[in-house]
PDB file of N, CA and C in Angstrom:
ATOM      1  N   UNK A   1      40.600  -6.152  29.557  1.00  0.00           N
ATOM      2  CA  UNK A   1      39.831  -5.683  28.413  1.00  0.00           C
ATOM      3  C   UNK A   1      39.953  -6.695  27.289  1.00  0.00           C
ATOM      4  N   UNK A   2      38.840  -6.924  26.685  1.00  0.00           N
ATOM      5  CA  UNK A   2      38.770  -7.932  25.624  1.00  0.00           C
ATOM      6  C   UNK A   2      38.947  -7.259  24.265  1.00  0.00           C
ATOM      7  N   UNK A   3      39.656  -7.920  23.370  1.00  0.00           N
ATOM      8  CA  UNK A   3      39.870  -7.372  22.029  1.00  0.00           C
ATOM      9  C   UNK A   3      38.549  -7.355  21.277  1.00  0.00           C
ATOM     10  N   UNK A   4      38.316  -6.331  20.446  1.00  0.00           N
ATOM     11  CA  UNK A   4      37.058  -6.280  19.688  1.00  0.00           C
ATOM     12  C   UNK A   4      36.967  -7.450  18.719  1.00  0.00           C
ATOM     13  N   UNK A   5      35.763  -7.944  18.563  1.00  0.00           N
ATOM     14  CA  UNK A   5      35.539  -9.057  17.636  1.00  0.00           C
ATOM     15  C   UNK A   5      35.601  -8.556  16.208  1.00  0.00           C
ATOM     16  N   UNK A   6      36.196  -9.351  15.384  1.00  0.00           N
ATOM     17  CA  UNK A   6      36.281  -9.003  13.967  1.00  0.00           C
ATOM     18  C   UNK A   6      35.301  -9.864  13.204  1.00  0.00           C
ATOM     19  N   UNK A   7      34.646  -9.250  12.253  1.00  0.00           N
ATOM     20  CA  UNK A   7      33.733 -10.031  11.424  1.00  0.00           C
ATOM     21  C   UNK A   7      34.543 -10.925  10.498  1.00  0.00           C
ATOM     22  N   UNK A   8      33.972 -12.018  10.141  1.00  0.00           N
ATOM     23  CA  UNK A   8      34.653 -12.970   9.267  1.00  0.00           C
ATOM     24  C   UNK A   8      34.849 -12.353   7.892  1.00  0.00           C
ATOM     25  N   UNK A   9      36.052 -12.496   7.383  1.00  0.00           N
ATOM     26  CA  UNK A   9      36.354 -11.977   6.051  1.00  0.00           C
ATOM     27  C   UNK A   9      35.997 -13.058   5.039  1.00  0.00           C
ATOM     28  N   UNK A  10      34.831 -12.915   4.420  1.00  0.00           N
ATOM     29  CA  UNK A  10      34.350 -13.939   3.500  1.00  0.00           C
ATOM     30  C   UNK A  10      35.026 -13.878   2.140  1.00  0.00           C
ATOM     31  N   UNK A  11      35.713 -12.774   1.862  1.00  0.00           N
ATOM     32  CA  UNK A  11      36.345 -12.660   0.551  1.00  0.00           C
ATOM     33  C   UNK A  11      37.507 -13.633   0.410  1.00  0.00           C
ATOM     34  N   UNK A  12      38.129 -14.026   1.531  1.00  0.00           N
ATOM     35  CA  UNK A  12      39.254 -14.948   1.443  1.00  0.00           C
ATOM     36  C   UNK A  12      38.819 -16.406   1.583  1.00  0.00           C
ATOM     37  N   UNK A  13      37.527 -16.622   1.854  1.00  0.00           N
ATOM     38  CA  UNK A  13      37.022 -17.978   1.986  1.00  0.00           C
ATOM     39  C   UNK A  13      36.947 -18.628   0.606  1.00  0.00           C
ATOM     40  N   UNK A  14      37.570 -19.796   0.456  1.00  0.00           N
ATOM     41  CA  UNK A  14      37.500 -20.441  -0.868  1.00  0.00           C
ATOM     42  C   UNK A  14      36.069 -20.858  -1.186  1.00  0.00           C
ATOM     43  N   UNK A  15      35.676 -20.646  -2.406  1.00  0.00           N
ATOM     44  CA  UNK A  15      34.319 -21.005  -2.824  1.00  0.00           C
ATOM     45  C   UNK A  15      34.325 -22.390  -3.442  1.00  0.00           C
ATOM     46  N   UNK A  16      33.307 -23.142  -3.102  1.00  0.00           N
ATOM     47  CA  UNK A  16      33.174 -24.501  -3.598  1.00  0.00           C
ATOM     48  C   UNK A  16      32.194 -24.488  -4.759  1.00  0.00           C
ATOM     49  N   UNK A  17      32.522 -25.173  -5.803  1.00  0.00           N
ATOM     50  CA  UNK A  17      31.633 -25.256  -6.962  1.00  0.00           C
ATOM     51  C   UNK A  17      30.417 -26.104  -6.604  1.00  0.00           C
ATOM     52  N   UNK A  18      29.270 -25.729  -7.182  1.00  0.00           N
ATOM     53  CA  UNK A  18      28.045 -26.493  -6.936  1.00  0.00           C
ATOM     54  C   UNK A  18      28.121 -27.826  -7.663  1.00  0.00           C
ATOM     55  N   UNK A  19      27.642 -28.842  -7.004  1.00  0.00           N
ATOM     56  CA  UNK A  19      27.585 -30.147  -7.649  1.00  0.00           C
ATOM     57  C   UNK A  19      26.370 -30.183  -8.571  1.00  0.00           C
ATOM     58  N   UNK A  20      26.325 -31.163  -9.421  1.00  0.00           N
ATOM     59  CA  UNK A  20      25.186 -31.271 -10.340  1.00  0.00           C
ATOM     60  C   UNK A  20      23.894 -31.535  -9.573  1.00  0.00           C
ATOM     61  N   UNK A  21      23.983 -32.257  -8.460  1.00  0.00           N
ATOM     62  CA  UNK A  21      22.798 -32.512  -7.635  1.00  0.00           C
ATOM     63  C   UNK A  21      22.277 -31.208  -7.035  1.00  0.00           C
ATOM     64  N   UNK A  22      23.169 -30.347  -6.548  1.00  0.00           N
ATOM     65  CA  UNK A  22      22.762 -29.058  -5.977  1.00  0.00           C
ATOM     66  C   UNK A  22      22.154 -28.163  -7.052  1.00  0.00           C
ATOM     67  N   UNK A  23      22.764 -28.155  -8.239  1.00  0.00           N
ATOM     68  CA  UNK A  23      22.233 -27.355  -9.344  1.00  0.00           C
ATOM     69  C   UNK A  23      20.831 -27.811  -9.717  1.00  0.00           C
ATOM     70  N   UNK A  24      20.628 -29.121  -9.773  1.00  0.00           N
ATOM     71  CA  UNK A  24      19.311 -29.665 -10.092  1.00  0.00           C
ATOM     72  C   UNK A  24      18.298 -29.259  -9.034  1.00  0.00           C
ATOM     73  N   UNK A  25      18.690 -29.335  -7.772  1.00  0.00           N
ATOM     74  CA  UNK A  25      17.793 -28.988  -6.668  1.00  0.00           C
ATOM     75  C   UNK A  25      17.397 -27.514  -6.730  1.00  0.00           C
ATOM     76  N   UNK A  26      18.364 -26.641  -6.952  1.00  0.00           N
ATOM     77  CA  UNK A  26      18.080 -25.205  -7.040  1.00  0.00           C
ATOM     78  C   UNK A  26      17.179 -24.922  -8.232  1.00  0.00           C
ATOM     79  N   UNK A  27      17.468 -25.557  -9.364  1.00  0.00           N
ATOM     80  CA  UNK A  27      16.673 -25.341 -10.572  1.00  0.00           C
ATOM     81  C   UNK A  27      15.234 -25.829 -10.377  1.00  0.00           C
ATOM     82  N   UNK A  28      15.072 -26.987  -9.749  1.00  0.00           N
ATOM     83  CA  UNK A  28      13.718 -27.509  -9.542  1.00  0.00           C
ATOM     84  C   UNK A  28      12.948 -26.650  -8.541  1.00  0.00           C
ATOM     85  N   UNK A  29      13.628 -26.100  -7.531  1.00  0.00           N
ATOM     86  CA  UNK A  29      12.968 -25.197  -6.581  1.00  0.00           C
ATOM     87  C   UNK A  29      12.507 -23.925  -7.283  1.00  0.00           C
ATOM     88  N   UNK A  30      13.352 -23.398  -8.164  1.00  0.00           N
ATOM     89  CA  UNK A  30      12.994 -22.195  -8.911  1.00  0.00           C
ATOM     90  C   UNK A  30      11.797 -22.457  -9.821  1.00  0.00           C
ATOM     91  N   UNK A  31      11.796 -23.583 -10.514  1.00  0.00           N
ATOM     92  CA  UNK A  31      10.656 -23.931 -11.367  1.00  0.00           C
ATOM     93  C   UNK A  31       9.377 -24.066 -10.552  1.00  0.00           C
ATOM     94  N   UNK A  32       9.482 -24.641  -9.364  1.00  0.00           N
ATOM     95  CA  UNK A  32       8.312 -24.791  -8.493  1.00  0.00           C
ATOM     96  C   UNK A  32       7.767 -23.417  -8.093  1.00  0.00           C
ATOM     97  N   UNK A  33       8.650 -22.494  -7.718  1.00  0.00           N
ATOM     98  CA  UNK A  33       8.211 -21.146  -7.348  1.00  0.00           C
ATOM     99  C   UNK A  33       7.574 -20.425  -8.526  1.00  0.00           C
ATOM    100  N   UNK A  34       8.158 -20.582  -9.713  1.00  0.00           N
ATOM    101  CA  UNK A  34       7.613 -19.913 -10.897  1.00  0.00           C
ATOM    102  C   UNK A  34       6.245 -20.465 -11.257  1.00  0.00           C
ATOM    103  N   UNK A  35       6.017 -21.745 -11.025  1.00  0.00           N
ATOM    104  CA  UNK A  35       4.706 -22.335 -11.306  1.00  0.00           C
ATOM    105  C   UNK A  35       3.682 -21.905 -10.260  1.00  0.00           C
ATOM    106  N   UNK A  36       4.133 -21.751  -9.023  1.00  0.00           N
ATOM    107  CA  UNK A  36       3.218 -21.429  -7.927  1.00  0.00           C
ATOM    108  C   UNK A  36       2.847 -19.952  -7.902  1.00  0.00           C
ATOM    109  N   UNK A  37       3.817 -19.080  -8.140  1.00  0.00           N
ATOM    110  CA  UNK A  37       3.595 -17.638  -8.067  1.00  0.00           C
ATOM    111  C   UNK A  37       3.780 -17.018  -9.445  1.00  0.00           C
ATOM    112  N   UNK A  38       2.745 -16.364  -9.946  1.00  0.00           N
ATOM    113  CA  UNK A  38       2.749 -15.835 -11.305  1.00  0.00           C
ATOM    114  C   UNK A  38       3.847 -14.794 -11.500  1.00  0.00           C
ATOM    115  N   UNK A  39       4.049 -13.916 -10.547  1.00  0.00           N
ATOM    116  CA  UNK A  39       4.970 -12.799 -10.716  1.00  0.00           C
ATOM    117  C   UNK A  39       6.417 -13.097 -10.422  1.00  0.00           C
ATOM    118  N   UNK A  40       6.786 -14.367 -10.265  1.00  0.00           N
ATOM    119  CA  UNK A  40       8.167 -14.700  -9.928  1.00  0.00           C
ATOM    120  C   UNK A  40       9.125 -14.347 -11.059  1.00  0.00           C
ATOM    121  N   UNK A  41       8.667 -14.431 -12.274  1.00  0.00           N
ATOM    122  CA  UNK A  41       9.523 -14.113 -13.410  1.00  0.00           C
ATOM    123  C   UNK A  41      10.287 -15.333 -13.889  1.00  0.00           C
ATOM    124  N   UNK A  42      10.849 -15.209 -15.065  1.00  0.00           N
ATOM    125  CA  UNK A  42      11.643 -16.277 -15.649  1.00  0.00           C
ATOM    126  C   UNK A  42      12.629 -15.643 -16.617  1.00  0.00           C
ATOM    127  N   UNK A  43      13.431 -16.450 -17.250  1.00  0.00           N
ATOM    128  CA  UNK A  43      14.479 -15.935 -18.129  1.00  0.00           C
ATOM    129  C   UNK A  43      13.918 -15.162 -19.315  1.00  0.00           C
ATOM    130  N   UNK A  44      12.700 -15.488 -19.748  1.00  0.00           N
ATOM    131  CA  UNK A  44      12.116 -14.835 -20.917  1.00  0.00           C
ATOM    132  C   UNK A  44      11.211 -13.658 -20.561  1.00  0.00           C
ATOM    133  N   UNK A  45      11.155 -13.262 -19.290  1.00  0.00           N
ATOM    134  CA  UNK A  45      10.314 -12.123 -18.889  1.00  0.00           C
ATOM    135  C   UNK A  45      10.847 -10.842 -19.516  1.00  0.00           C
ATOM    136  N   UNK A  46       9.929 -10.066 -20.057  1.00  0.00           N
ATOM    137  CA  UNK A  46      10.327  -8.772 -20.613  1.00  0.00           C
ATOM    138  C   UNK A  46      10.287  -7.724 -19.513  1.00  0.00           C
ATOM    139  N   UNK A  47      10.860  -6.581 -19.800  1.00  0.00           N
ATOM    140  CA  UNK A  47      10.845  -5.471 -18.849  1.00  0.00           C
ATOM    141  C   UNK A  47       9.405  -5.055 -18.555  1.00  0.00           C
ATOM    142  N   UNK A  48       8.571  -5.067 -19.575  1.00  0.00           N
ATOM    143  CA  UNK A  48       7.167  -4.687 -19.413  1.00  0.00           C
ATOM    144  C   UNK A  48       6.436  -5.666 -18.495  1.00  0.00           C
ATOM    145  N   UNK A  49       6.631  -6.980 -18.717  1.00  0.00           N
ATOM    146  CA  UNK A  49       5.977  -7.988 -17.873  1.00  0.00           C
ATOM    147  C   UNK A  49       6.413  -7.850 -16.421  1.00  0.00           C
ATOM    148  N   UNK A  50       7.696  -7.581 -16.207  1.00  0.00           N
ATOM    149  CA  UNK A  50       8.215  -7.415 -14.855  1.00  0.00           C
ATOM    150  C   UNK A  50       7.562  -6.206 -14.185  1.00  0.00           C
ATOM    151  N   UNK A  51       7.464  -5.091 -14.908  1.00  0.00           N
ATOM    152  CA  UNK A  51       6.854  -3.878 -14.354  1.00  0.00           C
ATOM    153  C   UNK A  51       5.372  -4.101 -14.045  1.00  0.00           C
ATOM    154  N   UNK A  52       4.670  -4.798 -14.932  1.00  0.00           N
ATOM    155  CA  UNK A  52       3.246  -5.079 -14.706  1.00  0.00           C
ATOM    156  C   UNK A  52       3.068  -5.899 -13.431  1.00  0.00           C
ATOM    157  N   UNK A  53       3.901  -6.930 -13.249  1.00  0.00           N
ATOM    158  CA  UNK A  53       3.806  -7.753 -12.038  1.00  0.00           C
ATOM    159  C   UNK A  53       4.075  -6.929 -10.785  1.00  0.00           C
ATOM    160  N   UNK A  54       5.070  -6.044 -10.847  1.00  0.00           N
ATOM    161  CA  UNK A  54       5.389  -5.200  -9.693  1.00  0.00           C
ATOM    162  C   UNK A  54       4.221  -4.283  -9.353  1.00  0.00           C
ATOM    163  N   UNK A  55       3.649  -3.647 -10.364  1.00  0.00           N
ATOM    164  CA  UNK A  55       2.537  -2.726 -10.130  1.00  0.00           C
ATOM    165  C   UNK A  55       1.297  -3.462  -9.611  1.00  0.00           C
ATOM    166  N   UNK A  56       1.010  -4.627 -10.187  1.00  0.00           N
ATOM    167  CA  UNK A  56      -0.161  -5.385  -9.722  1.00  0.00           C
ATOM    168  C   UNK A  56       0.010  -5.842  -8.280  1.00  0.00           C
ATOM    169  N   UNK A  57       1.215  -6.277  -7.936  1.00  0.00           N
ATOM    170  CA  UNK A  57       1.469  -6.672  -6.548  1.00  0.00           C
ATOM    171  C   UNK A  57       1.263  -5.492  -5.606  1.00  0.00           C
ATOM    172  N   UNK A  58       1.736  -4.323  -6.012  1.00  0.00           N
ATOM    173  CA  UNK A  58       1.586  -3.129  -5.173  1.00  0.00           C
ATOM    174  C   UNK A  58       0.118  -2.773  -4.990  1.00  0.00           C
ATOM    175  N   UNK A  59      -0.640  -2.755  -6.072  1.00  0.00           N
ATOM    176  CA  UNK A  59      -2.061  -2.403  -5.979  1.00  0.00           C
ATOM    177  C   UNK A  59      -2.842  -3.446  -5.175  1.00  0.00           C
ATOM    178  N   UNK A  60      -2.480  -4.715  -5.301  1.00  0.00           N
ATOM    179  CA  UNK A  60      -3.137  -5.749  -4.498  1.00  0.00           C
ATOM    180  C   UNK A  60      -2.857  -5.525  -3.011  1.00  0.00           C
ATOM    181  N   UNK A  61      -1.660  -5.088  -2.696  1.00  0.00           N
ATOM    182  CA  UNK A  61      -1.313  -4.780  -1.314  1.00  0.00           C
ATOM    183  C   UNK A  61      -2.127  -3.605  -0.799  1.00  0.00           C
ATOM    184  N   UNK A  62      -2.272  -2.574  -1.630  1.00  0.00           N
ATOM    185  CA  UNK A  62      -3.043  -1.391  -1.215  1.00  0.00           C
ATOM    186  C   UNK A  62      -4.494  -1.762  -0.919  1.00  0.00           C
ATOM    187  N   UNK A  63      -5.065  -2.634  -1.743  1.00  0.00           N
ATOM    188  CA  UNK A  63      -6.458  -3.045  -1.543  1.00  0.00           C
ATOM    189  C   UNK A  63      -6.575  -3.970  -0.329  1.00  0.00           C
ATOM    190  N   UNK A  64      -5.585  -4.817  -0.126  1.00  0.00           N
ATOM    191  CA  UNK A  64      -5.649  -5.809   0.936  1.00  0.00           C
ATOM    192  C   UNK A  64      -5.477  -5.266   2.338  1.00  0.00           C
ATOM    193  N   UNK A  65      -4.736  -4.178   2.486  1.00  0.00           N
ATOM    194  CA  UNK A  65      -4.503  -3.613   3.812  1.00  0.00           C
ATOM    195  C   UNK A  65      -5.346  -2.362   3.987  1.00  0.00           C
ATOM    196  N   UNK A  66      -6.277  -2.427   4.923  1.00  0.00           N
ATOM    197  CA  UNK A  66      -7.179  -1.296   5.153  1.00  0.00           C
ATOM    198  C   UNK A  66      -6.430  -0.045   5.593  1.00  0.00           C
ATOM    199  N   UNK A  67      -5.338  -0.216   6.339  1.00  0.00           N
ATOM    200  CA  UNK A  67      -4.600   0.958   6.800  1.00  0.00           C
ATOM    201  C   UNK A  67      -3.964   1.705   5.624  1.00  0.00           C
ATOM    202  N   UNK A  68      -3.466   0.968   4.636  1.00  0.00           N
ATOM    203  CA  UNK A  68      -2.901   1.624   3.451  1.00  0.00           C
ATOM    204  C   UNK A  68      -3.996   2.296   2.633  1.00  0.00           C
ATOM    205  N   UNK A  69      -5.129   1.630   2.501  1.00  0.00           N
ATOM    206  CA  UNK A  69      -6.249   2.234   1.777  1.00  0.00           C
ATOM    207  C   UNK A  69      -6.706   3.511   2.473  1.00  0.00           C
ATOM    208  N   UNK A  70      -6.761   3.488   3.792  1.00  0.00           N
ATOM    209  CA  UNK A  70      -7.154   4.678   4.552  1.00  0.00           C
ATOM    210  C   UNK A  70      -6.135   5.796   4.375  1.00  0.00           C
ATOM    211  N   UNK A  71      -4.861   5.444   4.374  1.00  0.00           N
ATOM    212  CA  UNK A  71      -3.809   6.439   4.174  1.00  0.00           C
ATOM    213  C   UNK A  71      -3.967   7.123   2.824  1.00  0.00           C
ATOM    214  N   UNK A  72      -4.153   6.324   1.772  1.00  0.00           N
ATOM    215  CA  UNK A  72      -4.321   6.907   0.439  1.00  0.00           C
ATOM    216  C   UNK A  72      -5.612   7.709   0.343  1.00  0.00           C
ATOM    217  N   UNK A  73      -6.655   7.254   1.020  1.00  0.00           N
ATOM    218  CA  UNK A  73      -7.934   7.969   0.997  1.00  0.00           C
ATOM    219  C   UNK A  73      -7.777   9.359   1.608  1.00  0.00           C
ATOM    220  N   UNK A  74      -7.067   9.451   2.715  1.00  0.00           N
ATOM    221  CA  UNK A  74      -6.839  10.754   3.348  1.00  0.00           C
ATOM    222  C   UNK A  74      -5.955  11.624   2.460  1.00  0.00           C
ATOM    223  N   UNK A  75      -4.898  11.024   1.900  1.00  0.00           N
ATOM    224  CA  UNK A  75      -3.969  11.788   1.059  1.00  0.00           C
ATOM    225  C   UNK A  75      -4.644  12.317  -0.203  1.00  0.00           C
ATOM    226  N   UNK A  76      -5.572  11.549  -0.771  1.00  0.00           N
ATOM    227  CA  UNK A  76      -6.243  11.947  -2.012  1.00  0.00           C
ATOM    228  C   UNK A  76      -7.590  12.608  -1.766  1.00  0.00           C
ATOM    229  N   UNK A  77      -7.991  12.705  -0.484  1.00  0.00           N
ATOM    230  CA  UNK A  77      -9.285  13.284  -0.116  1.00  0.00           C
ATOM    231  C   UNK A  77     -10.431  12.560  -0.835  1.00  0.00           C
ATOM    232  N   UNK A  78     -10.372  11.240  -0.803  1.00  0.00           N
ATOM    233  CA  UNK A  78     -11.386  10.382  -1.419  1.00  0.00           C
ATOM    234  C   UNK A  78     -11.907   9.397  -0.381  1.00  0.00           C
ATOM    235  N   UNK A  79     -13.000   8.744  -0.693  1.00  0.00           N
ATOM    236  CA  UNK A  79     -13.530   7.694   0.175  1.00  0.00           C
ATOM    237  C   UNK A  79     -12.660   6.441   0.043  1.00  0.00           C
ATOM    238  N   UNK A  80     -12.602   5.648   1.099  1.00  0.00           N
ATOM    239  CA  UNK A  80     -11.796   4.428   1.091  1.00  0.00           C
ATOM    240  C   UNK A  80     -12.268   3.485  -0.013  1.00  0.00           C
ATOM    241  N   UNK A  81     -13.570   3.356  -0.181  1.00  0.00           N
ATOM    242  CA  UNK A  81     -14.113   2.497  -1.237  1.00  0.00           C
ATOM    243  C   UNK A  81     -13.696   2.958  -2.620  1.00  0.00           C
ATOM    244  N   UNK A  82     -13.663   4.265  -2.836  1.00  0.00           N
ATOM    245  CA  UNK A  82     -13.245   4.817  -4.127  1.00  0.00           C
ATOM    246  C   UNK A  82     -11.768   4.519  -4.381  1.00  0.00           C
ATOM    247  N   UNK A  83     -10.943   4.617  -3.337  1.00  0.00           N
ATOM    248  CA  UNK A  83      -9.509   4.328  -3.477  1.00  0.00           C
ATOM    249  C   UNK A  83      -9.301   2.857  -3.818  1.00  0.00           C
ATOM    250  N   UNK A  84     -10.032   1.968  -3.146  1.00  0.00           N
ATOM    251  CA  UNK A  84      -9.903   0.537  -3.436  1.00  0.00           C
ATOM    252  C   UNK A  84     -10.373   0.222  -4.855  1.00  0.00           C
ATOM    253  N   UNK A  85     -11.483   0.831  -5.258  1.00  0.00           N
ATOM    254  CA  UNK A  85     -11.991   0.617  -6.612  1.00  0.00           C
ATOM    255  C   UNK A  85     -10.980   1.117  -7.644  1.00  0.00           C
ATOM    256  N   UNK A  86     -10.400   2.272  -7.377  1.00  0.00           N
ATOM    257  CA  UNK A  86      -9.403   2.841  -8.284  1.00  0.00           C
ATOM    258  C   UNK A  86      -8.187   1.918  -8.406  1.00  0.00           C
ATOM    259  N   UNK A  87      -7.738   1.368  -7.282  1.00  0.00           N
ATOM    260  CA  UNK A  87      -6.599   0.447  -7.318  1.00  0.00           C
ATOM    261  C   UNK A  87      -6.932  -0.817  -8.101  1.00  0.00           C
ATOM    262  N   UNK A  88      -8.154  -1.316  -7.931  1.00  0.00           N
ATOM    263  CA  UNK A  88      -8.568  -2.499  -8.693  1.00  0.00           C
ATOM    264  C   UNK A  88      -8.610  -2.199 -10.187  1.00  0.00           C
ATOM    265  N   UNK A  89      -9.069  -1.016 -10.565  1.00  0.00           N
ATOM    266  CA  UNK A  89      -9.110  -0.635 -11.978  1.00  0.00           C
ATOM    267  C   UNK A  89      -7.698  -0.512 -12.548  1.00  0.00           C
ATOM    268  N   UNK A  90      -6.770   0.010 -11.745  1.00  0.00           N
ATOM    269  CA  UNK A  90      -5.386   0.171 -12.204  1.00  0.00           C
ATOM    270  C   UNK A  90      -4.690  -1.173 -12.389  1.00  0.00           C
ATOM    271  N   UNK A  91      -5.202  -2.225 -11.764  1.00  0.00           N
ATOM    272  CA  UNK A  91      -4.586  -3.543 -11.901  1.00  0.00           C
ATOM    273  C   UNK A  91      -4.831  -4.146 -13.283  1.00  0.00           C
ATOM    274  N   UNK A  92      -5.805  -3.641 -14.019  1.00  0.00           N
ATOM    275  CA  UNK A  92      -6.112  -4.195 -15.342  1.00  0.00           C
ATOM    276  C   UNK A  92      -4.951  -3.955 -16.294  1.00  0.00           C
ATOM    277  N   UNK A  93      -4.543  -2.709 -16.438  1.00  0.00           N
ATOM    278  CA  UNK A  93      -3.369  -2.366 -17.250  1.00  0.00           C
ATOM    279  C   UNK A  93      -2.561  -1.321 -16.484  1.00  0.00           C
ATOM    280  N   UNK A  94      -1.784  -1.760 -15.492  1.00  0.00           N
ATOM    281  CA  UNK A  94      -1.090  -0.805 -14.634  1.00  0.00           C
ATOM    282  C   UNK A  94      -0.015   0.010 -15.351  1.00  0.00           C
ATOM    283  N   UNK A  95       0.530  -0.513 -16.417  1.00  0.00           N
ATOM    284  CA  UNK A  95       1.597   0.190 -17.136  1.00  0.00           C
ATOM    285  C   UNK A  95       1.157   0.601 -18.535  1.00  0.00           C
ATOM    286  N   UNK A  96      -0.129   0.647 -18.771  1.00  0.00           N
ATOM    287  CA  UNK A  96      -0.627   1.008 -20.089  1.00  0.00           C
ATOM    288  C   UNK A  96      -0.695  -0.201 -20.997  1.00  0.00           C
ATOM    289  N   UNK A  97      -1.020   0.043 -22.260  1.00  0.00           N
ATOM    290  CA  UNK A  97      -1.106  -1.085 -23.194  1.00  0.00           C
ATOM    291  C   UNK A  97       0.270  -1.706 -23.432  1.00  0.00           C
ATOM    292  N   UNK A  98       0.304  -2.997 -23.711  1.00  0.00           N
ATOM    293  CA  UNK A  98       1.596  -3.645 -23.939  1.00  0.00           C
ATOM    294  C   UNK A  98       2.269  -3.116 -25.199  1.00  0.00           C
ATOM    295  N   UNK A  99       3.599  -3.125 -25.210  1.00  0.00           N
ATOM    296  CA  UNK A  99       4.309  -2.664 -26.402  1.00  0.00           C
ATOM    297  C   UNK A  99       4.081  -3.629 -27.561  1.00  0.00           C
ATOM    298  N   UNK A 100       4.203  -3.141 -28.789  1.00  0.00           N
ATOM    299  CA  UNK A 100       4.022  -4.043 -29.941  1.00  0.00           C
ATOM    300  C   UNK A 100       5.086  -5.134 -29.939  1.00  0.00           C
ATOM    301  N   UNK A 101       4.669  -6.331 -30.311  1.00  0.00           N
ATOM    302  CA  UNK A 101       5.600  -7.460 -30.340  1.00  0.00           C
ATOM    303  C   UNK A 101       6.429  -7.413 -31.611  1.00  0.00           C
ATOM    304  N   UNK A 102       7.703  -7.755 -31.438  1.00  0.00           N
ATOM    305  CA  UNK A 102       8.600  -7.805 -32.589  1.00  0.00           C
ATOM    306  C   UNK A 102       8.549  -9.204 -33.184  1.00  0.00           C
ATOM    307  N   UNK A 103       8.328  -9.298 -34.468  1.00  0.00           N
ATOM    308  CA  UNK A 103       8.332 -10.596 -35.146  1.00  0.00           C
ATOM    309  C   UNK A 103       9.746 -10.896 -35.601  1.00  0.00           C
ATOM    310  N   UNK A 104      10.239 -12.066 -35.203  1.00  0.00           N
ATOM    311  CA  UNK A 104      11.613 -12.447 -35.577  1.00  0.00           C
ATOM    312  C   UNK A 104      11.627 -13.256 -36.834  1.00  0.00           C
TER     313      UNK A 104
END
């Protein structure tokens, strides 16, 4: 009989500090993703902006997949076209009007 395998205990593994080259690489990759994808977020993203991006991504998914649109159409007893139109309308201001900006 073979002894059971134990998973590696990563908590005792010494951690190596990132070099400046690795930090630069990670930072440049993050900047590239933020430039390429609007909803990636950044350090200055507000809670409202984050929620808007999440809701818009969800509604875009609902419109893009016919099976999800059909599911919602059956659940809401509406036509598939009406459900897609409704999702597109909700993408304009999915979380309502933006909060007032604070002047510093």
